[in-house]
Amino acid sequence: MSLSRSENRKRAPLMTPGRWILLIAGFLLFAAVSFALYVRSADADYRNEEIHAIKRAKQEAGLKSASEAYKHVWEETVWVVIGKDAEGVKWFVWEKQDGIVKEREDAGESKDEIADRFRVEHPGNKIVRLMPGWFQGRPAWEIRYVADPSNGRQAIDFYSFQDGSKLKTYDLPGK
């Protein structure tokens, strides 16, 4: 039996199932790499500020190592770098536009002491965030917490870094 001319000249399809799989896999790889680069570039400014803050703390405050760095934005933007000097003493360094403020960790209330004080004042309230900051022209601790668990409303308390006294409470609107 002989094949007809049209059957003789029929070409194989250009996109075979194997080629479709390669094309889709290539697109997914491209999308994943593009997303990773986007996330990395979106975070780059913050990371550069953090690196600059740590370098400044090492140069101006004499830290040899930094364990944590926080950006605190309230009345003004302040970077807080926590680290140790050459003797191993732990320091808090608040970097403001007009200079730095450096305090030994043991000269003020620790994070755990402030958390304990908060739990005594607000039993049953869940702490959302606890971080060092700057409030009313001095070093402070900021505690953001769920003030009303029934509707999820939150509040922020500020405590003095030096003596742990409560400075102010802000009830946040919402929910």
N, C-alpha and C. Protein backbone atom coordinates (compact mmCIF):
# COMPACT_ATOMS: atom_id res chain seq x y z
N MET A 1 0.84 -1.15 0.00
CA MET A 1 0.00 0.00 0.00
C MET A 1 0.90 1.23 0.00
N SER A 2 0.58 2.16 -0.83
CA SER A 2 1.41 3.35 -0.90
C SER A 2 0.70 4.51 -0.23
N LEU A 3 1.53 5.35 0.40
CA LEU A 3 0.98 6.51 1.10
C LEU A 3 0.66 7.60 0.10
N SER A 4 -0.33 8.37 0.44
CA SER A 4 -0.67 9.48 -0.44
C SER A 4 0.37 10.57 -0.29
N ARG A 5 0.36 11.48 -1.24
CA ARG A 5 1.35 12.55 -1.20
C ARG A 5 1.26 13.37 0.09
N SER A 6 0.06 13.70 0.53
CA SER A 6 -0.09 14.53 1.73
C SER A 6 0.43 13.81 2.97
N GLU A 7 0.27 12.53 3.04
CA GLU A 7 0.79 11.78 4.18
C GLU A 7 2.30 11.66 4.11
N ASN A 8 2.83 11.63 2.93
CA ASN A 8 4.27 11.55 2.74
C ASN A 8 4.98 12.82 3.19
N ARG A 9 4.34 13.94 2.97
CA ARG A 9 4.97 15.24 3.25
C ARG A 9 4.61 15.80 4.63
N LYS A 10 3.89 15.14 5.44
CA LYS A 10 3.48 15.62 6.76
C LYS A 10 4.72 15.74 7.67
N ARG A 11 4.88 16.90 8.23
CA ARG A 11 6.03 17.14 9.11
C ARG A 11 5.66 16.81 10.56
N ALA A 12 6.68 16.57 11.34
CA ALA A 12 6.47 16.36 12.78
C ALA A 12 6.11 17.71 13.40
N PRO A 13 5.26 17.74 14.40
CA PRO A 13 4.87 19.01 15.01
C PRO A 13 6.10 19.72 15.62
N LEU A 14 6.08 21.06 15.55
CA LEU A 14 7.19 21.86 16.06
C LEU A 14 7.29 21.76 17.59
N MET A 15 6.18 21.82 18.29
CA MET A 15 6.18 21.76 19.75
C MET A 15 5.72 20.38 20.23
N THR A 16 6.68 19.57 20.52
CA THR A 16 6.39 18.24 21.05
C THR A 16 6.15 18.37 22.55
N PRO A 17 5.60 17.37 23.19
CA PRO A 17 5.39 17.44 24.65
C PRO A 17 6.69 17.70 25.41
N GLY A 18 7.79 17.16 24.98
CA GLY A 18 9.08 17.39 25.65
C GLY A 18 9.51 18.84 25.55
N ARG A 19 9.28 19.45 24.39
CA ARG A 19 9.63 20.85 24.21
C ARG A 19 8.72 21.76 25.05
N TRP A 20 7.43 21.40 25.16
CA TRP A 20 6.53 22.17 26.01
C TRP A 20 7.00 22.13 27.47
N ILE A 21 7.41 20.98 27.92
CA ILE A 21 7.89 20.85 29.30
C ILE A 21 9.13 21.72 29.51
N LEU A 22 10.07 21.69 28.56
CA LEU A 22 11.27 22.52 28.66
C LEU A 22 10.91 24.01 28.66
N LEU A 23 9.99 24.41 27.81
CA LEU A 23 9.58 25.81 27.73
C LEU A 23 8.94 26.26 29.06
N ILE A 24 8.06 25.46 29.60
CA ILE A 24 7.39 25.80 30.87
C ILE A 24 8.40 25.83 32.01
N ALA A 25 9.30 24.85 32.06
CA ALA A 25 10.32 24.82 33.12
C ALA A 25 11.23 26.04 33.01
N GLY A 26 11.61 26.42 31.81
CA GLY A 26 12.45 27.61 31.60
C GLY A 26 11.73 28.87 32.06
N PHE A 27 10.43 28.99 31.76
CA PHE A 27 9.67 30.15 32.20
C PHE A 27 9.57 30.20 33.72
N LEU A 28 9.30 29.07 34.35
CA LEU A 28 9.20 29.03 35.82
C LEU A 28 10.53 29.40 36.47
N LEU A 29 11.63 28.93 35.92
CA LEU A 29 12.95 29.29 36.44
C LEU A 29 13.19 30.79 36.29
N PHE A 30 12.84 31.34 35.14
CA PHE A 30 12.99 32.78 34.91
C PHE A 30 12.15 33.58 35.91
N ALA A 31 10.91 33.15 36.14
CA ALA A 31 10.04 33.85 37.08
C ALA A 31 10.60 33.78 38.50
N ALA A 32 11.13 32.64 38.92
CA ALA A 32 11.68 32.49 40.26
C ALA A 32 12.91 33.37 40.45
N VAL A 33 13.81 33.40 39.47
CA VAL A 33 15.00 34.24 39.57
C VAL A 33 14.62 35.71 39.58
N SER A 34 13.66 36.09 38.74
CA SER A 34 13.21 37.48 38.71
C SER A 34 12.61 37.90 40.05
N PHE A 35 11.82 37.05 40.66
CA PHE A 35 11.21 37.35 41.96
C PHE A 35 12.29 37.49 43.04
N ALA A 36 13.27 36.60 43.02
CA ALA A 36 14.35 36.67 44.02
C ALA A 36 15.14 37.98 43.87
N LEU A 37 15.42 38.37 42.65
CA LEU A 37 16.14 39.63 42.43
C LEU A 37 15.30 40.84 42.85
N TYR A 38 14.01 40.78 42.61
CA TYR A 38 13.12 41.87 43.02
C TYR A 38 13.11 42.02 44.54
N VAL A 39 12.97 40.92 45.25
CA VAL A 39 12.94 40.96 46.72
C VAL A 39 14.27 41.48 47.24
N ARG A 40 15.35 41.03 46.66
CA ARG A 40 16.68 41.46 47.10
C ARG A 40 16.87 42.96 46.88
N SER A 41 16.44 43.47 45.74
CA SER A 41 16.61 44.90 45.48
C SER A 41 15.67 45.75 46.32
N ALA A 42 14.48 45.23 46.64
CA ALA A 42 13.54 45.98 47.47
C ALA A 42 14.07 46.14 48.89
N ASP A 43 14.84 45.20 49.37
CA ASP A 43 15.39 45.20 50.72
C ASP A 43 16.76 45.87 50.79
N ALA A 44 17.33 46.23 49.64
CA ALA A 44 18.71 46.71 49.59
C ALA A 44 18.91 48.02 50.35
N ASP A 45 17.99 48.97 50.25
CA ASP A 45 18.16 50.25 50.93
C ASP A 45 18.21 50.08 52.44
N TYR A 46 17.30 49.26 52.97
CA TYR A 46 17.28 49.02 54.41
C TYR A 46 18.58 48.36 54.86
N ARG A 47 19.02 47.35 54.13
CA ARG A 47 20.26 46.65 54.50
C ARG A 47 21.47 47.57 54.44
N ASN A 48 21.51 48.45 53.43
CA ASN A 48 22.62 49.40 53.34
C ASN A 48 22.62 50.37 54.52
N GLU A 49 21.43 50.84 54.93
CA GLU A 49 21.34 51.71 56.12
C GLU A 49 21.81 50.97 57.37
N GLU A 50 21.42 49.70 57.49
CA GLU A 50 21.83 48.90 58.64
C GLU A 50 23.35 48.73 58.67
N ILE A 51 23.94 48.43 57.54
CA ILE A 51 25.40 48.26 57.46
C ILE A 51 26.09 49.57 57.82
N HIS A 52 25.57 50.69 57.33
CA HIS A 52 26.15 52.00 57.64
C HIS A 52 26.03 52.30 59.14
N ALA A 53 24.89 51.97 59.75
CA ALA A 53 24.69 52.20 61.18
C ALA A 53 25.68 51.38 62.01
N ILE A 54 25.90 50.15 61.63
CA ILE A 54 26.85 49.29 62.36
C ILE A 54 28.27 49.84 62.21
N LYS A 55 28.65 50.28 61.01
CA LYS A 55 29.98 50.86 60.81
C LYS A 55 30.17 52.12 61.65
N ARG A 56 29.12 52.95 61.69
CA ARG A 56 29.19 54.18 62.48
C ARG A 56 29.35 53.87 63.97
N ALA A 57 28.62 52.86 64.45
CA ALA A 57 28.72 52.48 65.86
C ALA A 57 30.13 51.97 66.17
N LYS A 58 30.72 51.26 65.26
CA LYS A 58 32.08 50.76 65.49
C LYS A 58 33.09 51.90 65.47
N GLN A 59 32.92 52.85 64.55
CA GLN A 59 33.88 53.95 64.44
C GLN A 59 33.72 54.98 65.55
N GLU A 60 32.48 55.44 65.79
CA GLU A 60 32.27 56.55 66.72
C GLU A 60 32.05 56.11 68.16
N ALA A 61 31.52 54.91 68.36
CA ALA A 61 31.22 54.47 69.73
C ALA A 61 32.21 53.42 70.22
N GLY A 62 33.10 52.98 69.40
CA GLY A 62 34.13 52.04 69.83
C GLY A 62 33.69 50.60 69.97
N LEU A 63 32.60 50.23 69.32
CA LEU A 63 32.18 48.82 69.37
C LEU A 63 33.11 47.98 68.51
N LYS A 64 33.40 46.79 68.98
CA LYS A 64 34.20 45.85 68.20
C LYS A 64 33.32 44.87 67.44
N SER A 65 32.14 44.60 67.99
CA SER A 65 31.21 43.70 67.32
C SER A 65 29.79 44.19 67.58
N ALA A 66 28.91 43.91 66.63
CA ALA A 66 27.51 44.29 66.77
C ALA A 66 26.66 43.04 66.65
N SER A 67 25.74 42.87 67.59
CA SER A 67 24.88 41.69 67.57
C SER A 67 23.50 41.99 66.99
N GLU A 68 23.04 43.23 67.16
CA GLU A 68 21.70 43.59 66.68
C GLU A 68 21.71 45.05 66.26
N ALA A 69 20.83 45.37 65.30
CA ALA A 69 20.62 46.76 64.88
C ALA A 69 19.13 46.94 64.60
N TYR A 70 18.56 48.00 65.15
CA TYR A 70 17.14 48.29 64.99
C TYR A 70 16.98 49.69 64.43
N LYS A 71 16.05 49.85 63.50
CA LYS A 71 15.69 51.17 63.02
C LYS A 71 14.40 51.55 63.73
N HIS A 72 14.45 52.63 64.51
CA HIS A 72 13.28 53.08 65.26
C HIS A 72 12.82 54.41 64.68
N VAL A 73 11.57 54.45 64.26
CA VAL A 73 11.00 55.66 63.68
C VAL A 73 9.82 56.08 64.55
N TRP A 74 9.97 57.23 65.19
CA TRP A 74 8.85 57.79 65.95
C TRP A 74 8.92 59.29 65.81
N GLU A 75 9.48 59.99 66.78
CA GLU A 75 9.62 61.43 66.66
C GLU A 75 10.72 61.78 65.66
N GLU A 76 11.72 60.95 65.60
CA GLU A 76 12.80 61.06 64.62
C GLU A 76 13.30 59.65 64.33
N THR A 77 14.01 59.52 63.23
CA THR A 77 14.55 58.21 62.87
C THR A 77 15.88 58.01 63.59
N VAL A 78 15.97 56.91 64.32
CA VAL A 78 17.16 56.59 65.11
C VAL A 78 17.52 55.14 64.87
N TRP A 79 18.80 54.88 64.65
CA TRP A 79 19.29 53.50 64.59
C TRP A 79 19.83 53.15 65.97
N VAL A 80 19.46 51.98 66.47
CA VAL A 80 19.97 51.49 67.75
C VAL A 80 20.80 50.25 67.45
N VAL A 81 22.09 50.32 67.78
CA VAL A 81 23.00 49.20 67.55
C VAL A 81 23.43 48.66 68.91
N ILE A 82 23.32 47.36 69.07
CA ILE A 82 23.72 46.69 70.31
C ILE A 82 24.95 45.87 70.00
N GLY A 83 26.00 46.07 70.80
CA GLY A 83 27.23 45.33 70.55
C GLY A 83 28.16 45.38 71.73
N LYS A 84 29.36 44.85 71.53
CA LYS A 84 30.35 44.78 72.61
C LYS A 84 31.62 45.52 72.20
N ASP A 85 32.30 46.06 73.22
CA ASP A 85 33.58 46.73 72.98
C ASP A 85 34.73 45.72 73.11
N ALA A 86 35.96 46.20 73.10
CA ALA A 86 37.13 45.32 73.14
C ALA A 86 37.21 44.53 74.45
N GLU A 87 36.66 45.07 75.54
CA GLU A 87 36.70 44.38 76.84
C GLU A 87 35.53 43.42 77.02
N GLY A 88 34.63 43.35 76.05
CA GLY A 88 33.48 42.46 76.14
C GLY A 88 32.28 43.05 76.84
N VAL A 89 32.30 44.36 77.09
CA VAL A 89 31.17 45.04 77.74
C VAL A 89 30.09 45.31 76.68
N LYS A 90 28.85 44.99 77.03
CA LYS A 90 27.74 45.18 76.09
C LYS A 90 27.23 46.62 76.17
N TRP A 91 27.06 47.25 75.00
CA TRP A 91 26.63 48.64 74.89
C TRP A 91 25.43 48.78 73.98
N PHE A 92 24.62 49.79 74.27
CA PHE A 92 23.55 50.23 73.38
C PHE A 92 24.01 51.57 72.79
N VAL A 93 23.91 51.70 71.47
CA VAL A 93 24.29 52.95 70.81
C VAL A 93 23.10 53.46 70.01
N TRP A 94 22.62 54.67 70.37
CA TRP A 94 21.53 55.31 69.64
C TRP A 94 22.16 56.31 68.69
N GLU A 95 21.95 56.13 67.40
CA GLU A 95 22.53 57.01 66.39
C GLU A 95 21.45 57.94 65.86
N LYS A 96 21.62 59.24 66.18
CA LYS A 96 20.69 60.25 65.73
C LYS A 96 21.39 61.11 64.68
N GLN A 97 20.62 62.01 64.06
CA GLN A 97 21.21 62.89 63.05
C GLN A 97 22.31 63.75 63.66
N ASP A 98 22.12 64.24 64.88
CA ASP A 98 23.06 65.17 65.49
C ASP A 98 24.10 64.52 66.39
N GLY A 99 24.22 63.21 66.36
CA GLY A 99 25.25 62.55 67.16
C GLY A 99 24.79 61.21 67.69
N ILE A 100 25.59 60.68 68.59
CA ILE A 100 25.26 59.37 69.16
C ILE A 100 25.12 59.46 70.68
N VAL A 101 24.36 58.53 71.22
CA VAL A 101 24.23 58.36 72.67
C VAL A 101 24.61 56.91 72.96
N LYS A 102 25.54 56.73 73.88
CA LYS A 102 26.06 55.40 74.19
C LYS A 102 25.81 55.10 75.65
N GLU A 103 25.19 53.94 75.92
CA GLU A 103 24.89 53.53 77.30
C GLU A 103 25.29 52.07 77.49
N ARG A 104 25.86 51.78 78.65
CA ARG A 104 26.13 50.37 79.00
C ARG A 104 24.81 49.66 79.20
N GLU A 105 24.78 48.40 78.85
CA GLU A 105 23.55 47.62 79.03
C GLU A 105 23.14 47.58 80.50
N ASP A 106 24.11 47.43 81.39
CA ASP A 106 23.78 47.32 82.81
C ASP A 106 23.46 48.68 83.46
N ALA A 107 23.55 49.78 82.71
CA ALA A 107 23.19 51.10 83.24
C ALA A 107 21.70 51.36 83.11
N GLY A 108 21.01 50.48 82.41
CA GLY A 108 19.57 50.67 82.22
C GLY A 108 18.82 49.37 82.43
N GLU A 109 17.56 49.41 82.11
CA GLU A 109 16.71 48.22 82.22
C GLU A 109 16.96 47.31 81.01
N SER A 110 17.04 46.02 81.25
CA SER A 110 17.24 45.07 80.17
C SER A 110 15.91 44.77 79.48
N LYS A 111 15.99 44.13 78.36
CA LYS A 111 14.79 43.75 77.61
C LYS A 111 13.90 42.84 78.45
N ASP A 112 14.51 41.89 79.14
CA ASP A 112 13.74 40.96 79.98
C ASP A 112 13.09 41.67 81.17
N GLU A 113 13.80 42.62 81.77
CA GLU A 113 13.23 43.36 82.90
C GLU A 113 12.03 44.20 82.46
N ILE A 114 12.14 44.82 81.30
CA ILE A 114 11.02 45.63 80.78
C ILE A 114 9.84 44.72 80.45
N ALA A 115 10.11 43.57 79.85
CA ALA A 115 9.03 42.62 79.53
C ALA A 115 8.34 42.15 80.80
N ASP A 116 9.12 41.86 81.84
CA ASP A 116 8.53 41.43 83.13
C ASP A 116 7.68 42.54 83.74
N ARG A 117 8.19 43.77 83.70
CA ARG A 117 7.44 44.91 84.24
C ARG A 117 6.13 45.09 83.48
N PHE A 118 6.19 44.95 82.15
CA PHE A 118 5.00 45.08 81.33
C PHE A 118 3.97 44.01 81.68
N ARG A 119 4.43 42.77 81.86
CA ARG A 119 3.52 41.67 82.17
C ARG A 119 2.84 41.86 83.53
N VAL A 120 3.54 42.50 84.47
CA VAL A 120 2.92 42.79 85.77
C VAL A 120 1.84 43.86 85.60
N GLU A 121 2.13 44.90 84.79
CA GLU A 121 1.18 45.99 84.57
C GLU A 121 0.01 45.59 83.67
N HIS A 122 0.27 44.69 82.74
CA HIS A 122 -0.75 44.28 81.76
C HIS A 122 -0.85 42.75 81.72
N PRO A 123 -1.34 42.12 82.76
CA PRO A 123 -1.40 40.65 82.76
C PRO A 123 -2.32 40.15 81.64
N GLY A 124 -1.84 39.17 80.92
CA GLY A 124 -2.64 38.56 79.86
C GLY A 124 -2.54 39.23 78.51
N ASN A 125 -1.90 40.41 78.43
CA ASN A 125 -1.75 41.06 77.13
C ASN A 125 -0.54 40.49 76.39
N LYS A 126 -0.74 40.17 75.12
CA LYS A 126 0.33 39.58 74.30
C LYS A 126 1.22 40.66 73.71
N ILE A 127 2.54 40.53 73.92
CA ILE A 127 3.51 41.46 73.34
C ILE A 127 3.70 41.09 71.87
N VAL A 128 3.52 42.08 71.00
CA VAL A 128 3.71 41.88 69.57
C VAL A 128 5.16 42.20 69.19
N ARG A 129 5.69 43.29 69.77
CA ARG A 129 7.07 43.70 69.47
C ARG A 129 7.64 44.45 70.65
N LEU A 130 8.89 44.17 70.99
CA LEU A 130 9.60 44.88 72.04
C LEU A 130 10.96 45.26 71.47
N MET A 131 11.24 46.56 71.40
CA MET A 131 12.50 47.00 70.80
C MET A 131 12.99 48.29 71.46
N PRO A 132 14.31 48.51 71.41
CA PRO A 132 14.84 49.77 71.92
C PRO A 132 14.51 50.88 70.93
N GLY A 133 14.35 52.09 71.45
CA GLY A 133 14.04 53.22 70.58
C GLY A 133 14.42 54.53 71.23
N TRP A 134 13.82 55.59 70.72
CA TRP A 134 14.08 56.95 71.20
C TRP A 134 12.74 57.63 71.37
N PHE A 135 12.47 58.15 72.57
CA PHE A 135 11.18 58.78 72.83
C PHE A 135 11.38 59.96 73.77
N GLN A 136 10.76 61.09 73.46
CA GLN A 136 10.84 62.31 74.25
C GLN A 136 12.29 62.71 74.55
N GLY A 137 13.14 62.59 73.53
CA GLY A 137 14.52 63.04 73.64
C GLY A 137 15.43 62.18 74.48
N ARG A 138 15.06 60.90 74.68
CA ARG A 138 15.91 60.03 75.49
C ARG A 138 15.75 58.57 75.06
N PRO A 139 16.71 57.73 75.45
CA PRO A 139 16.60 56.30 75.14
C PRO A 139 15.38 55.69 75.81
N ALA A 140 14.73 54.79 75.09
CA ALA A 140 13.51 54.19 75.61
C ALA A 140 13.32 52.78 75.07
N TRP A 141 12.39 52.09 75.69
CA TRP A 141 11.93 50.79 75.18
C TRP A 141 10.52 51.00 74.63
N GLU A 142 10.25 50.42 73.47
CA GLU A 142 8.91 50.47 72.89
C GLU A 142 8.31 49.08 72.93
N ILE A 143 7.11 48.97 73.49
CA ILE A 143 6.40 47.69 73.52
C ILE A 143 5.07 47.87 72.79
N ARG A 144 4.90 47.13 71.72
CA ARG A 144 3.63 47.10 71.01
C ARG A 144 2.92 45.82 71.43
N TYR A 145 1.65 45.93 71.79
CA TYR A 145 0.94 44.78 72.34
C TYR A 145 -0.53 44.81 71.94
N VAL A 146 -1.18 43.66 72.12
CA VAL A 146 -2.61 43.55 71.86
C VAL A 146 -3.32 44.01 73.13
N ALA A 147 -3.98 45.18 73.02
CA ALA A 147 -4.64 45.76 74.20
C ALA A 147 -6.01 45.14 74.45
N ASP A 148 -6.69 44.75 73.37
CA ASP A 148 -8.03 44.17 73.50
C ASP A 148 -8.10 42.91 72.65
N PRO A 149 -7.90 41.74 73.26
CA PRO A 149 -7.88 40.49 72.49
C PRO A 149 -9.19 40.19 71.77
N SER A 150 -10.31 40.72 72.26
CA SER A 150 -11.60 40.40 71.63
C SER A 150 -11.71 40.98 70.22
N ASN A 151 -11.08 42.13 69.97
CA ASN A 151 -11.14 42.71 68.63
C ASN A 151 -9.76 42.92 68.00
N GLY A 152 -8.70 42.56 68.69
CA GLY A 152 -7.34 42.66 68.14
C GLY A 152 -6.74 44.05 68.19
N ARG A 153 -7.40 45.00 68.87
CA ARG A 153 -6.87 46.36 68.94
C ARG A 153 -5.53 46.37 69.66
N GLN A 154 -4.58 47.17 69.12
CA GLN A 154 -3.24 47.21 69.68
C GLN A 154 -2.94 48.56 70.31
N ALA A 155 -1.88 48.59 71.12
CA ALA A 155 -1.41 49.82 71.76
C ALA A 155 0.11 49.76 71.85
N ILE A 156 0.71 50.91 72.12
CA ILE A 156 2.16 51.01 72.27
C ILE A 156 2.45 51.71 73.59
N ASP A 157 3.32 51.11 74.39
CA ASP A 157 3.80 51.72 75.63
C ASP A 157 5.28 52.05 75.45
N PHE A 158 5.69 53.20 75.97
CA PHE A 158 7.10 53.57 75.99
C PHE A 158 7.57 53.59 77.43
N TYR A 159 8.74 52.98 77.67
CA TYR A 159 9.35 52.93 78.99
C TYR A 159 10.76 53.53 78.90
N SER A 160 11.17 54.20 79.94
CA SER A 160 12.51 54.78 80.00
C SER A 160 13.56 53.68 80.01
N PHE A 161 14.61 53.85 79.24
CA PHE A 161 15.70 52.87 79.23
C PHE A 161 16.44 52.90 80.57
N GLN A 162 16.64 54.08 81.15
CA GLN A 162 17.45 54.21 82.36
C GLN A 162 16.79 53.56 83.57
N ASP A 163 15.53 53.90 83.85
CA ASP A 163 14.93 53.41 85.09
C ASP A 163 13.68 52.55 84.88
N GLY A 164 13.24 52.37 83.65
CA GLY A 164 12.09 51.52 83.38
C GLY A 164 10.75 52.15 83.68
N SER A 165 10.73 53.45 83.98
CA SER A 165 9.44 54.09 84.26
C SER A 165 8.64 54.24 82.98
N LYS A 166 7.33 54.14 83.13
CA LYS A 166 6.45 54.25 81.97
C LYS A 166 6.38 55.71 81.56
N LEU A 167 6.60 55.96 80.25
CA LEU A 167 6.60 57.33 79.74
C LEU A 167 5.26 57.71 79.14
N LYS A 168 4.69 56.84 78.31
CA LYS A 168 3.43 57.16 77.66
C LYS A 168 2.84 55.93 77.01
N THR A 169 1.51 55.94 76.85
CA THR A 169 0.78 54.89 76.15
C THR A 169 0.03 55.50 74.98
N TYR A 170 0.09 54.83 73.85
CA TYR A 170 -0.68 55.23 72.68
C TYR A 170 -1.61 54.09 72.30
N ASP A 171 -2.92 54.37 72.27
CA ASP A 171 -3.88 53.39 71.79
C ASP A 171 -3.98 53.56 70.28
N LEU A 172 -3.79 52.48 69.57
CA LEU A 172 -3.83 52.53 68.11
C LEU A 172 -5.25 52.30 67.62
N PRO A 173 -5.67 53.08 66.64
CA PRO A 173 -7.01 52.90 66.10
C PRO A 173 -7.07 51.65 65.25
N GLY A 174 -8.25 51.19 65.00
CA GLY A 174 -8.42 50.04 64.12
C GLY A 174 -9.14 48.92 64.78
N LYS A 175 -9.53 48.01 63.95
CA LYS A 175 -10.25 46.79 64.32
C LYS A 175 -11.32 47.11 65.27
